[in-house]
Amino acid sequence: MKFGILINEGPYQHQASDSAYQFAKAALAKGHQIYRVFFYHDGVNNANRLTEPPQDDRNVTQQWSQLAAEHGIDLVVCVAAALRRGIKDEILAPRFRISGLGQLVETGIQADRLVVFGD
């Protein structure tokens, strides 16, 4: 099955990103494909490479970057939501890219299921 994932919440104030990451890992382990992960609303904060959590805490941004590199997952950040939060290309973590809502629409069309994490 081909999944699309939509994340609407930031990495440290809500569990949405952690849950989405664990879902993606489990789906890949079962042989499914992740077509794209789209970060929207506060979810765009997952793409900020300037995030520096304490050493004993997980680095959600780095986890997404590594998963995308290992499995060729397209990580797309909504341009409008990103710009509202001061996120530009210069501060994107590796493997993240900025694009428009058309990418979310395409994800819904191309994927068998679109799974939403966060409000």
PDB file of N, CA and C in Angstrom:
ATOM      1  N   MET A   1       0.842  -1.172   0.000  1.00  0.00           N
ATOM      2  CA  MET A   1       0.000   0.000   0.000  1.00  0.00           C
ATOM      3  C   MET A   1       0.893   1.243   0.000  1.00  0.00           C
ATOM      4  N   LYS A   2       0.436   2.264  -0.655  1.00  0.00           N
ATOM      5  CA  LYS A   2       1.173   3.521  -0.742  1.00  0.00           C
ATOM      6  C   LYS A   2       0.476   4.551   0.154  1.00  0.00           C
ATOM      7  N   PHE A   3       1.227   5.056   1.158  1.00  0.00           N
ATOM      8  CA  PHE A   3       0.671   6.015   2.104  1.00  0.00           C
ATOM      9  C   PHE A   3       1.184   7.427   1.845  1.00  0.00           C
ATOM     10  N   GLY A   4       0.316   8.388   2.049  1.00  0.00           N
ATOM     11  CA  GLY A   4       0.686   9.783   2.165  1.00  0.00           C
ATOM     12  C   GLY A   4       0.458  10.176   3.615  1.00  0.00           C
ATOM     13  N   ILE A   5       1.321  11.035   4.144  1.00  0.00           N
ATOM     14  CA  ILE A   5       1.210  11.453   5.540  1.00  0.00           C
ATOM     15  C   ILE A   5       1.139  12.965   5.595  1.00  0.00           C
ATOM     16  N   LEU A   6       0.192  13.476   6.388  1.00  0.00           N
ATOM     17  CA  LEU A   6       0.046  14.908   6.627  1.00  0.00           C
ATOM     18  C   LEU A   6       0.288  15.164   8.108  1.00  0.00           C
ATOM     19  N   ILE A   7       1.231  16.056   8.415  1.00  0.00           N
ATOM     20  CA  ILE A   7       1.556  16.402   9.801  1.00  0.00           C
ATOM     21  C   ILE A   7       1.229  17.865  10.025  1.00  0.00           C
ATOM     22  N   ASN A   8       0.343  18.138  10.982  1.00  0.00           N
ATOM     23  CA  ASN A   8      -0.136  19.494  11.247  1.00  0.00           C
ATOM     24  C   ASN A   8       0.406  20.121  12.521  1.00  0.00           C
ATOM     25  N   GLU A   9       1.234  19.415  13.264  1.00  0.00           N
ATOM     26  CA  GLU A   9       1.724  19.915  14.554  1.00  0.00           C
ATOM     27  C   GLU A   9       3.245  19.890  14.606  1.00  0.00           C
ATOM     28  N   GLY A  10       3.795  20.771  15.434  1.00  0.00           N
ATOM     29  CA  GLY A  10       5.237  20.864  15.605  1.00  0.00           C
ATOM     30  C   GLY A  10       5.817  19.671  16.338  1.00  0.00           C
ATOM     31  N   PRO A  11       7.144  19.578  16.371  1.00  0.00           N
ATOM     32  CA  PRO A  11       7.795  18.374  16.891  1.00  0.00           C
ATOM     33  C   PRO A  11       7.817  18.229  18.406  1.00  0.00           C
ATOM     34  N   TYR A  12       7.668  19.302  19.159  1.00  0.00           N
ATOM     35  CA  TYR A  12       7.881  19.169  20.602  1.00  0.00           C
ATOM     36  C   TYR A  12       6.690  19.598  21.457  1.00  0.00           C
ATOM     37  N   GLN A  13       5.655  20.180  20.867  1.00  0.00           N
ATOM     38  CA  GLN A  13       4.505  20.586  21.663  1.00  0.00           C
ATOM     39  C   GLN A  13       3.311  19.643  21.496  1.00  0.00           C
ATOM     40  N   HIS A  14       3.476  18.643  20.647  1.00  0.00           N
ATOM     41  CA  HIS A  14       2.372  17.734  20.336  1.00  0.00           C
ATOM     42  C   HIS A  14       2.973  16.397  19.913  1.00  0.00           C
ATOM     43  N   GLN A  15       2.253  15.331  20.075  1.00  0.00           N
ATOM     44  CA  GLN A  15       2.768  14.008  19.733  1.00  0.00           C
ATOM     45  C   GLN A  15       2.593  13.646  18.261  1.00  0.00           C
ATOM     46  N   ALA A  16       1.962  14.496  17.476  1.00  0.00           N
ATOM     47  CA  ALA A  16       1.633  14.165  16.086  1.00  0.00           C
ATOM     48  C   ALA A  16       2.851  13.739  15.271  1.00  0.00           C
ATOM     49  N   SER A  17       3.930  14.479  15.362  1.00  0.00           N
ATOM     50  CA  SER A  17       5.102  14.157  14.555  1.00  0.00           C
ATOM     51  C   SER A  17       5.733  12.839  14.983  1.00  0.00           C
ATOM     52  N   ASP A  18       5.842  12.618  16.282  1.00  0.00           N
ATOM     53  CA  ASP A  18       6.372  11.340  16.777  1.00  0.00           C
ATOM     54  C   ASP A  18       5.506  10.176  16.314  1.00  0.00           C
ATOM     55  N   SER A  19       4.194  10.330  16.418  1.00  0.00           N
ATOM     56  CA  SER A  19       3.280   9.265  15.998  1.00  0.00           C
ATOM     57  C   SER A  19       3.399   9.014  14.499  1.00  0.00           C
ATOM     58  N   ALA A  20       3.499  10.082  13.713  1.00  0.00           N
ATOM     59  CA  ALA A  20       3.638   9.942  12.260  1.00  0.00           C
ATOM     60  C   ALA A  20       4.943   9.238  11.913  1.00  0.00           C
ATOM     61  N   TYR A  21       6.007   9.599  12.603  1.00  0.00           N
ATOM     62  CA  TYR A  21       7.310   8.983  12.357  1.00  0.00           C
ATOM     63  C   TYR A  21       7.260   7.482  12.674  1.00  0.00           C
ATOM     64  N   GLN A  22       6.679   7.141  13.808  1.00  0.00           N
ATOM     65  CA  GLN A  22       6.579   5.718  14.184  1.00  0.00           C
ATOM     66  C   GLN A  22       5.676   4.959  13.210  1.00  0.00           C
ATOM     67  N   PHE A  23       4.606   5.612  12.759  1.00  0.00           N
ATOM     68  CA  PHE A  23       3.727   5.003  11.758  1.00  0.00           C
ATOM     69  C   PHE A  23       4.492   4.732  10.463  1.00  0.00           C
ATOM     70  N   ALA A  24       5.240   5.727  10.018  1.00  0.00           N
ATOM     71  CA  ALA A  24       6.010   5.594   8.771  1.00  0.00           C
ATOM     72  C   ALA A  24       7.022   4.453   8.881  1.00  0.00           C
ATOM     73  N   LYS A  25       7.747   4.392  10.001  1.00  0.00           N
ATOM     74  CA  LYS A  25       8.722   3.314  10.198  1.00  0.00           C
ATOM     75  C   LYS A  25       8.040   1.948  10.176  1.00  0.00           C
ATOM     76  N   ALA A  26       6.911   1.828  10.860  1.00  0.00           N
ATOM     77  CA  ALA A  26       6.200   0.548  10.916  1.00  0.00           C
ATOM     78  C   ALA A  26       5.669   0.162   9.536  1.00  0.00           C
ATOM     79  N   ALA A  27       5.130   1.131   8.809  1.00  0.00           N
ATOM     80  CA  ALA A  27       4.609   0.846   7.467  1.00  0.00           C
ATOM     81  C   ALA A  27       5.728   0.381   6.542  1.00  0.00           C
ATOM     82  N   LEU A  28       6.865   1.057   6.591  1.00  0.00           N
ATOM     83  CA  LEU A  28       8.006   0.663   5.760  1.00  0.00           C
ATOM     84  C   LEU A  28       8.502  -0.733   6.131  1.00  0.00           C
ATOM     85  N   ALA A  29       8.533  -1.026   7.425  1.00  0.00           N
ATOM     86  CA  ALA A  29       8.988  -2.340   7.883  1.00  0.00           C
ATOM     87  C   ALA A  29       8.071  -3.460   7.386  1.00  0.00           C
ATOM     88  N   LYS A  30       6.801  -3.133   7.162  1.00  0.00           N
ATOM     89  CA  LYS A  30       5.834  -4.118   6.655  1.00  0.00           C
ATOM     90  C   LYS A  30       5.799  -4.162   5.130  1.00  0.00           C
ATOM     91  N   GLY A  31       6.687  -3.397   4.485  1.00  0.00           N
ATOM     92  CA  GLY A  31       6.778  -3.448   3.031  1.00  0.00           C
ATOM     93  C   GLY A  31       5.924  -2.430   2.293  1.00  0.00           C
ATOM     94  N   HIS A  32       5.297  -1.517   3.016  1.00  0.00           N
ATOM     95  CA  HIS A  32       4.502  -0.478   2.382  1.00  0.00           C
ATOM     96  C   HIS A  32       5.403   0.664   1.919  1.00  0.00           C
ATOM     97  N   GLN A  33       4.847   1.549   1.124  1.00  0.00           N
ATOM     98  CA  GLN A  33       5.589   2.701   0.605  1.00  0.00           C
ATOM     99  C   GLN A  33       5.036   3.987   1.209  1.00  0.00           C
ATOM    100  N   ILE A  34       5.919   4.934   1.498  1.00  0.00           N
ATOM    101  CA  ILE A  34       5.499   6.274   1.910  1.00  0.00           C
ATOM    102  C   ILE A  34       5.713   7.170   0.697  1.00  0.00           C
ATOM    103  N   TYR A  35       4.627   7.608   0.103  1.00  0.00           N
ATOM    104  CA  TYR A  35       4.711   8.419  -1.105  1.00  0.00           C
ATOM    105  C   TYR A  35       5.273   9.806  -0.798  1.00  0.00           C
ATOM    106  N   ARG A  36       4.747  10.423   0.245  1.00  0.00           N
ATOM    107  CA  ARG A  36       5.190  11.774   0.609  1.00  0.00           C
ATOM    108  C   ARG A  36       4.732  12.065   2.029  1.00  0.00           C
ATOM    109  N   VAL A  37       5.521  12.891   2.722  1.00  0.00           N
ATOM    110  CA  VAL A  37       5.108  13.442   4.012  1.00  0.00           C
ATOM    111  C   VAL A  37       4.977  14.949   3.798  1.00  0.00           C
ATOM    112  N   PHE A  38       3.798  15.478   4.082  1.00  0.00           N
ATOM    113  CA  PHE A  38       3.526  16.896   3.892  1.00  0.00           C
ATOM    114  C   PHE A  38       3.376  17.549   5.263  1.00  0.00           C
ATOM    115  N   PHE A  39       4.141  18.598   5.490  1.00  0.00           N
ATOM    116  CA  PHE A  39       4.134  19.320   6.767  1.00  0.00           C
ATOM    117  C   PHE A  39       3.363  20.622   6.584  1.00  0.00           C
ATOM    118  N   TYR A  40       2.331  20.801   7.387  1.00  0.00           N
ATOM    119  CA  TYR A  40       1.402  21.928   7.232  1.00  0.00           C
ATOM    120  C   TYR A  40       1.161  22.565   8.595  1.00  0.00           C
ATOM    121  N   HIS A  41       0.639  23.771   8.626  1.00  0.00           N
ATOM    122  CA  HIS A  41       0.403  24.523   9.862  1.00  0.00           C
ATOM    123  C   HIS A  41       1.689  24.516  10.705  1.00  0.00           C
ATOM    124  N   ASP A  42       1.580  24.257  12.019  1.00  0.00           N
ATOM    125  CA  ASP A  42       2.780  24.230  12.860  1.00  0.00           C
ATOM    126  C   ASP A  42       3.681  23.038  12.554  1.00  0.00           C
ATOM    127  N   GLY A  43       3.195  22.100  11.781  1.00  0.00           N
ATOM    128  CA  GLY A  43       4.005  20.956  11.375  1.00  0.00           C
ATOM    129  C   GLY A  43       5.251  21.354  10.602  1.00  0.00           C
ATOM    130  N   VAL A  44       5.245  22.549  10.002  1.00  0.00           N
ATOM    131  CA  VAL A  44       6.419  23.001   9.251  1.00  0.00           C
ATOM    132  C   VAL A  44       7.635  23.152  10.162  1.00  0.00           C
ATOM    133  N   ASN A  45       7.409  23.302  11.456  1.00  0.00           N
ATOM    134  CA  ASN A  45       8.531  23.432  12.394  1.00  0.00           C
ATOM    135  C   ASN A  45       9.371  22.162  12.487  1.00  0.00           C
ATOM    136  N   ASN A  46       8.860  21.059  12.001  1.00  0.00           N
ATOM    137  CA  ASN A  46       9.633  19.816  11.955  1.00  0.00           C
ATOM    138  C   ASN A  46      10.816  19.918  11.010  1.00  0.00           C
ATOM    139  N   ALA A  47      10.779  20.858  10.078  1.00  0.00           N
ATOM    140  CA  ALA A  47      11.808  20.979   9.046  1.00  0.00           C
ATOM    141  C   ALA A  47      12.942  21.924   9.423  1.00  0.00           C
ATOM    142  N   ASN A  48      12.876  22.548  10.559  1.00  0.00           N
ATOM    143  CA  ASN A  48      13.845  23.569  10.954  1.00  0.00           C
ATOM    144  C   ASN A  48      15.152  22.930  11.431  1.00  0.00           C
ATOM    145  N   ARG A  49      16.212  23.072  10.642  1.00  0.00           N
ATOM    146  CA  ARG A  49      17.506  22.471  11.001  1.00  0.00           C
ATOM    147  C   ARG A  49      18.176  23.180  12.173  1.00  0.00           C
ATOM    148  N   LEU A  50      17.663  24.343  12.576  1.00  0.00           N
ATOM    149  CA  LEU A  50      18.244  25.075  13.699  1.00  0.00           C
ATOM    150  C   LEU A  50      17.769  24.549  15.055  1.00  0.00           C
ATOM    151  N   THR A  51      16.844  23.613  15.030  1.00  0.00           N
ATOM    152  CA  THR A  51      16.352  23.001  16.264  1.00  0.00           C
ATOM    153  C   THR A  51      17.476  22.219  16.943  1.00  0.00           C
ATOM    154  N   GLU A  52      17.689  22.466  18.227  1.00  0.00           N
ATOM    155  CA  GLU A  52      18.725  21.762  18.983  1.00  0.00           C
ATOM    156  C   GLU A  52      18.160  21.243  20.301  1.00  0.00           C
ATOM    157  N   PRO A  53      17.534  20.067  20.267  1.00  0.00           N
ATOM    158  CA  PRO A  53      17.015  19.508  21.518  1.00  0.00           C
ATOM    159  C   PRO A  53      18.172  19.066  22.424  1.00  0.00           C
ATOM    160  N   PRO A  54      17.910  18.914  23.724  1.00  0.00           N
ATOM    161  CA  PRO A  54      18.950  18.426  24.628  1.00  0.00           C
ATOM    162  C   PRO A  54      19.485  17.072  24.160  1.00  0.00           C
ATOM    163  N   GLN A  55      20.709  16.759  24.536  1.00  0.00           N
ATOM    164  CA  GLN A  55      21.352  15.518  24.084  1.00  0.00           C
ATOM    165  C   GLN A  55      20.580  14.264  24.476  1.00  0.00           C
ATOM    166  N   ASP A  56      19.863  14.315  25.586  1.00  0.00           N
ATOM    167  CA  ASP A  56      19.133  13.131  26.040  1.00  0.00           C
ATOM    168  C   ASP A  56      17.714  13.066  25.474  1.00  0.00           C
ATOM    169  N   ASP A  57      17.384  13.961  24.552  1.00  0.00           N
ATOM    170  CA  ASP A  57      16.061  13.988  23.936  1.00  0.00           C
ATOM    171  C   ASP A  57      16.182  13.597  22.465  1.00  0.00           C
ATOM    172  N   ARG A  58      15.097  13.181  21.880  1.00  0.00           N
ATOM    173  CA  ARG A  58      15.116  12.813  20.470  1.00  0.00           C
ATOM    174  C   ARG A  58      15.184  14.061  19.605  1.00  0.00           C
ATOM    175  N   ASN A  59      15.791  13.925  18.436  1.00  0.00           N
ATOM    176  CA  ASN A  59      15.861  15.017  17.478  1.00  0.00           C
ATOM    177  C   ASN A  59      14.918  14.646  16.327  1.00  0.00           C
ATOM    178  N   VAL A  60      13.687  15.118  16.422  1.00  0.00           N
ATOM    179  CA  VAL A  60      12.646  14.732  15.482  1.00  0.00           C
ATOM    180  C   VAL A  60      13.011  15.135  14.056  1.00  0.00           C
ATOM    181  N   THR A  61      13.558  16.314  13.898  1.00  0.00           N
ATOM    182  CA  THR A  61      13.941  16.791  12.567  1.00  0.00           C
ATOM    183  C   THR A  61      14.972  15.858  11.950  1.00  0.00           C
ATOM    184  N   GLN A  62      15.964  15.495  12.721  1.00  0.00           N
ATOM    185  CA  GLN A  62      17.009  14.591  12.237  1.00  0.00           C
ATOM    186  C   GLN A  62      16.434  13.202  11.925  1.00  0.00           C
ATOM    187  N   GLN A  63      15.500  12.751  12.742  1.00  0.00           N
ATOM    188  CA  GLN A  63      14.875  11.449  12.488  1.00  0.00           C
ATOM    189  C   GLN A  63      14.174  11.435  11.134  1.00  0.00           C
ATOM    190  N   TRP A  64      13.421  12.500  10.832  1.00  0.00           N
ATOM    191  CA  TRP A  64      12.738  12.576   9.539  1.00  0.00           C
ATOM    192  C   TRP A  64      13.749  12.618   8.396  1.00  0.00           C
ATOM    193  N   SER A  65      14.805  13.411   8.556  1.00  0.00           N
ATOM    194  CA  SER A  65      15.823  13.511   7.504  1.00  0.00           C
ATOM    195  C   SER A  65      16.450  12.154   7.224  1.00  0.00           C
ATOM    196  N   GLN A  66      16.792  11.427   8.277  1.00  0.00           N
ATOM    197  CA  GLN A  66      17.418  10.109   8.109  1.00  0.00           C
ATOM    198  C   GLN A  66      16.470   9.107   7.460  1.00  0.00           C
ATOM    199  N   LEU A  67      15.220   9.109   7.902  1.00  0.00           N
ATOM    200  CA  LEU A  67      14.244   8.181   7.327  1.00  0.00           C
ATOM    201  C   LEU A  67      14.044   8.472   5.838  1.00  0.00           C
ATOM    202  N   ALA A  68      13.975   9.749   5.495  1.00  0.00           N
ATOM    203  CA  ALA A  68      13.803  10.142   4.096  1.00  0.00           C
ATOM    204  C   ALA A  68      15.008   9.724   3.263  1.00  0.00           C
ATOM    205  N   ALA A  69      16.196   9.882   3.809  1.00  0.00           N
ATOM    206  CA  ALA A  69      17.412   9.506   3.084  1.00  0.00           C
ATOM    207  C   ALA A  69      17.476   7.993   2.868  1.00  0.00           C
ATOM    208  N   GLU A  70      17.092   7.237   3.871  1.00  0.00           N
ATOM    209  CA  GLU A  70      17.156   5.775   3.782  1.00  0.00           C
ATOM    210  C   GLU A  70      16.125   5.188   2.834  1.00  0.00           C
ATOM    211  N   HIS A  71      14.965   5.850   2.719  1.00  0.00           N
ATOM    212  CA  HIS A  71      13.858   5.251   1.959  1.00  0.00           C
ATOM    213  C   HIS A  71      13.389   6.108   0.790  1.00  0.00           C
ATOM    214  N   GLY A  72      14.080   7.197   0.506  1.00  0.00           N
ATOM    215  CA  GLY A  72      13.710   8.046  -0.619  1.00  0.00           C
ATOM    216  C   GLY A  72      12.354   8.718  -0.460  1.00  0.00           C
ATOM    217  N   ILE A  73      12.029   9.111   0.751  1.00  0.00           N
ATOM    218  CA  ILE A  73      10.731   9.728   1.036  1.00  0.00           C
ATOM    219  C   ILE A  73      10.799  11.221   0.724  1.00  0.00           C
ATOM    220  N   ASP A  74       9.769  11.719   0.075  1.00  0.00           N
ATOM    221  CA  ASP A  74       9.647  13.131  -0.256  1.00  0.00           C
ATOM    222  C   ASP A  74       9.069  13.874   0.948  1.00  0.00           C
ATOM    223  N   LEU A  75       9.854  14.780   1.546  1.00  0.00           N
ATOM    224  CA  LEU A  75       9.413  15.583   2.686  1.00  0.00           C
ATOM    225  C   LEU A  75       9.105  16.989   2.186  1.00  0.00           C
ATOM    226  N   VAL A  76       7.831  17.365   2.182  1.00  0.00           N
ATOM    227  CA  VAL A  76       7.407  18.643   1.621  1.00  0.00           C
ATOM    228  C   VAL A  76       6.840  19.537   2.719  1.00  0.00           C
ATOM    229  N   VAL A  77       7.303  20.777   2.723  1.00  0.00           N
ATOM    230  CA  VAL A  77       6.888  21.782   3.704  1.00  0.00           C
ATOM    231  C   VAL A  77       6.023  22.809   2.978  1.00  0.00           C
ATOM    232  N   CYS A  78       4.851  23.107   3.509  1.00  0.00           N
ATOM    233  CA  CYS A  78       3.951  24.083   2.896  1.00  0.00           C
ATOM    234  C   CYS A  78       4.595  25.461   2.907  1.00  0.00           C
ATOM    235  N   VAL A  79       4.689  26.084   1.747  1.00  0.00           N
ATOM    236  CA  VAL A  79       5.373  27.371   1.618  1.00  0.00           C
ATOM    237  C   VAL A  79       4.686  28.460   2.438  1.00  0.00           C
ATOM    238  N   ALA A  80       3.369  28.565   2.367  1.00  0.00           N
ATOM    239  CA  ALA A  80       2.664  29.632   3.083  1.00  0.00           C
ATOM    240  C   ALA A  80       2.806  29.476   4.602  1.00  0.00           C
ATOM    241  N   ALA A  81       2.616  28.255   5.087  1.00  0.00           N
ATOM    242  CA  ALA A  81       2.748  28.006   6.527  1.00  0.00           C
ATOM    243  C   ALA A  81       4.186  28.225   6.986  1.00  0.00           C
ATOM    244  N   ALA A  82       5.148  27.853   6.154  1.00  0.00           N
ATOM    245  CA  ALA A  82       6.560  28.024   6.507  1.00  0.00           C
ATOM    246  C   ALA A  82       6.925  29.507   6.602  1.00  0.00           C
ATOM    247  N   LEU A  83       6.542  30.269   5.607  1.00  0.00           N
ATOM    248  CA  LEU A  83       6.890  31.694   5.604  1.00  0.00           C
ATOM    249  C   LEU A  83       6.245  32.433   6.778  1.00  0.00           C
ATOM    250  N   ARG A  84       5.034  32.049   7.151  1.00  0.00           N
ATOM    251  CA  ARG A  84       4.380  32.656   8.326  1.00  0.00           C
ATOM    252  C   ARG A  84       5.187  32.422   9.599  1.00  0.00           C
ATOM    253  N   ARG A  85       5.949  31.346   9.613  1.00  0.00           N
ATOM    254  CA  ARG A  85       6.715  30.979  10.810  1.00  0.00           C
ATOM    255  C   ARG A  85       8.211  31.250  10.645  1.00  0.00           C
ATOM    256  N   GLY A  86       8.573  31.984   9.612  1.00  0.00           N
ATOM    257  CA  GLY A  86       9.966  32.371   9.408  1.00  0.00           C
ATOM    258  C   GLY A  86      10.858  31.267   8.891  1.00  0.00           C
ATOM    259  N   ILE A  87      10.281  30.233   8.311  1.00  0.00           N
ATOM    260  CA  ILE A  87      11.068  29.118   7.804  1.00  0.00           C
ATOM    261  C   ILE A  87      11.262  29.301   6.303  1.00  0.00           C
ATOM    262  N   LYS A  88      12.518  29.399   5.904  1.00  0.00           N
ATOM    263  CA  LYS A  88      12.879  29.557   4.496  1.00  0.00           C
ATOM    264  C   LYS A  88      13.853  28.454   4.114  1.00  0.00           C
ATOM    265  N   ASP A  89      14.160  28.372   2.829  1.00  0.00           N
ATOM    266  CA  ASP A  89      15.055  27.325   2.327  1.00  0.00           C
ATOM    267  C   ASP A  89      16.361  27.238   3.109  1.00  0.00           C
ATOM    268  N   GLU A  90      16.886  28.389   3.533  1.00  0.00           N
ATOM    269  CA  GLU A  90      18.195  28.427   4.194  1.00  0.00           C
ATOM    270  C   GLU A  90      18.228  27.650   5.514  1.00  0.00           C
ATOM    271  N   ILE A  91      17.082  27.490   6.157  1.00  0.00           N
ATOM    272  CA  ILE A  91      17.105  26.798   7.452  1.00  0.00           C
ATOM    273  C   ILE A  91      16.425  25.428   7.405  1.00  0.00           C
ATOM    274  N   LEU A  92      16.141  24.943   6.211  1.00  0.00           N
ATOM    275  CA  LEU A  92      15.553  23.609   6.103  1.00  0.00           C
ATOM    276  C   LEU A  92      16.596  22.532   6.388  1.00  0.00           C
ATOM    277  N   ALA A  93      16.175  21.526   7.105  1.00  0.00           N
ATOM    278  CA  ALA A  93      17.027  20.364   7.360  1.00  0.00           C
ATOM    279  C   ALA A  93      17.196  19.576   6.055  1.00  0.00           C
ATOM    280  N   PRO A  94      18.207  18.734   5.990  1.00  0.00           N
ATOM    281  CA  PRO A  94      18.405  17.912   4.784  1.00  0.00           C
ATOM    282  C   PRO A  94      17.166  17.089   4.449  1.00  0.00           C
ATOM    283  N   ARG A  95      16.917  16.960   3.158  1.00  0.00           N
ATOM    284  CA  ARG A  95      15.830  16.158   2.577  1.00  0.00           C
ATOM    285  C   ARG A  95      14.463  16.843   2.610  1.00  0.00           C
ATOM    286  N   PHE A  96      14.331  17.975   3.294  1.00  0.00           N
ATOM    287  CA  PHE A  96      13.077  18.729   3.282  1.00  0.00           C
ATOM    288  C   PHE A  96      13.102  19.714   2.121  1.00  0.00           C
ATOM    289  N   ARG A  97      11.933  19.983   1.556  1.00  0.00           N
ATOM    290  CA  ARG A  97      11.835  21.002   0.516  1.00  0.00           C
ATOM    291  C   ARG A  97      10.530  21.769   0.690  1.00  0.00           C
ATOM    292  N   ILE A  98      10.520  23.006   0.239  1.00  0.00           N
ATOM    293  CA  ILE A  98       9.336  23.854   0.334  1.00  0.00           C
ATOM    294  C   ILE A  98       8.567  23.789  -0.979  1.00  0.00           C
ATOM    295  N   SER A  99       7.249  23.670  -0.871  1.00  0.00           N
ATOM    296  CA  SER A  99       6.394  23.673  -2.055  1.00  0.00           C
ATOM    297  C   SER A  99       4.987  24.088  -1.625  1.00  0.00           C
ATOM    298  N   GLY A 100       4.058  24.071  -2.561  1.00  0.00           N
ATOM    299  CA  GLY A 100       2.705  24.533  -2.294  1.00  0.00           C
ATOM    300  C   GLY A 100       1.728  23.423  -1.970  1.00  0.00           C
ATOM    301  N   LEU A 101       0.489  23.845  -1.741  1.00  0.00           N
ATOM    302  CA  LEU A 101      -0.570  22.899  -1.387  1.00  0.00           C
ATOM    303  C   LEU A 101      -0.896  21.922  -2.518  1.00  0.00           C
ATOM    304  N   GLY A 102      -0.498  22.248  -3.724  1.00  0.00           N
ATOM    305  CA  GLY A 102      -0.699  21.314  -4.832  1.00  0.00           C
ATOM    306  C   GLY A 102      -0.044  19.973  -4.563  1.00  0.00           C
ATOM    307  N   GLN A 103       1.067  19.998  -3.828  1.00  0.00           N
ATOM    308  CA  GLN A 103       1.762  18.756  -3.474  1.00  0.00           C
ATOM    309  C   GLN A 103       0.916  17.909  -2.522  1.00  0.00           C
ATOM    310  N   LEU A 104       0.151  18.570  -1.648  1.00  0.00           N
ATOM    311  CA  LEU A 104      -0.743  17.841  -0.749  1.00  0.00           C
ATOM    312  C   LEU A 104      -1.888  17.223  -1.551  1.00  0.00           C
ATOM    313  N   VAL A 105      -2.448  17.983  -2.464  1.00  0.00           N
ATOM    314  CA  VAL A 105      -3.515  17.464  -3.315  1.00  0.00           C
ATOM    315  C   VAL A 105      -3.019  16.262  -4.119  1.00  0.00           C
ATOM    316  N   GLU A 106      -1.823  16.402  -4.704  1.00  0.00           N
ATOM    317  CA  GLU A 106      -1.251  15.296  -5.471  1.00  0.00           C
ATOM    318  C   GLU A 106      -1.041  14.063  -4.595  1.00  0.00           C
ATOM    319  N   THR A 107      -0.624  14.291  -3.361  1.00  0.00           N
ATOM    320  CA  THR A 107      -0.429  13.170  -2.432  1.00  0.00           C
ATOM    321  C   THR A 107      -1.732  12.419  -2.227  1.00  0.00           C
ATOM    322  N   GLY A 108      -2.817  13.163  -2.028  1.00  0.00           N
ATOM    323  CA  GLY A 108      -4.124  12.532  -1.856  1.00  0.00           C
ATOM    324  C   GLY A 108      -4.559  11.737  -3.070  1.00  0.00           C
ATOM    325  N   ILE A 109      -4.148  12.181  -4.249  1.00  0.00           N
ATOM    326  CA  ILE A 109      -4.502  11.490  -5.486  1.00  0.00           C
ATOM    327  C   ILE A 109      -3.629  10.251  -5.699  1.00  0.00           C
ATOM    328  N   GLN A 110      -2.331  10.380  -5.480  1.00  0.00           N
ATOM    329  CA  GLN A 110      -1.375   9.309  -5.778  1.00  0.00           C
ATOM    330  C   GLN A 110      -1.331   8.208  -4.722  1.00  0.00           C
ATOM    331  N   ALA A 111      -1.548   8.569  -3.475  1.00  0.00           N
ATOM    332  CA  ALA A 111      -1.459   7.573  -2.395  1.00  0.00           C
ATOM    333  C   ALA A 111      -2.778   6.789  -2.277  1.00  0.00           C
ATOM    334  N   ASP A 112      -2.657   5.573  -1.780  1.00  0.00           N
ATOM    335  CA  ASP A 112      -3.852   4.774  -1.505  1.00  0.00           C
ATOM    336  C   ASP A 112      -4.591   5.305  -0.287  1.00  0.00           C
ATOM    337  N   ARG A 113      -3.836   5.818   0.671  1.00  0.00           N
ATOM    338  CA  ARG A 113      -4.401   6.380   1.894  1.00  0.00           C
ATOM    339  C   ARG A 113      -3.610   7.628   2.289  1.00  0.00           C
ATOM    340  N   LEU A 114      -4.318   8.645   2.751  1.00  0.00           N
ATOM    341  CA  LEU A 114      -3.686   9.833   3.318  1.00  0.00           C
ATOM    342  C   LEU A 114      -3.985   9.816   4.809  1.00  0.00           C
ATOM    343  N   VAL A 115      -2.953   9.701   5.619  1.00  0.00           N
ATOM    344  CA  VAL A 115      -3.103   9.600   7.064  1.00  0.00           C
ATOM    345  C   VAL A 115      -2.704  10.940   7.673  1.00  0.00           C
ATOM    346  N   VAL A 116      -3.593  11.496   8.495  1.00  0.00           N
ATOM    347  CA  VAL A 116      -3.412  12.833   9.064  1.00  0.00           C
ATOM    348  C   VAL A 116      -3.044  12.717  10.541  1.00  0.00           C
ATOM    349  N   PHE A 117      -1.997  13.458  10.941  1.00  0.00           N
ATOM    350  CA  PHE A 117      -1.557  13.492  12.326  1.00  0.00           C
ATOM    351  C   PHE A 117      -1.637  14.931  12.824  1.00  0.00           C
ATOM    352  N   GLY A 118      -2.393  15.159  13.885  1.00  0.00           N
ATOM    353  CA  GLY A 118      -2.586  16.492  14.447  1.00  0.00           C
ATOM    354  C   GLY A 118      -3.852  17.139  13.910  1.00  0.00           C
ATOM    355  N   ASP A 119      -4.276  18.173  14.607  1.00  0.00           N
ATOM    356  CA  ASP A 119      -5.520  18.868  14.241  1.00  0.00           C
ATOM    357  C   ASP A 119      -5.389  19.690  12.987  1.00  0.00           C
TER     358      ASP A 119
END
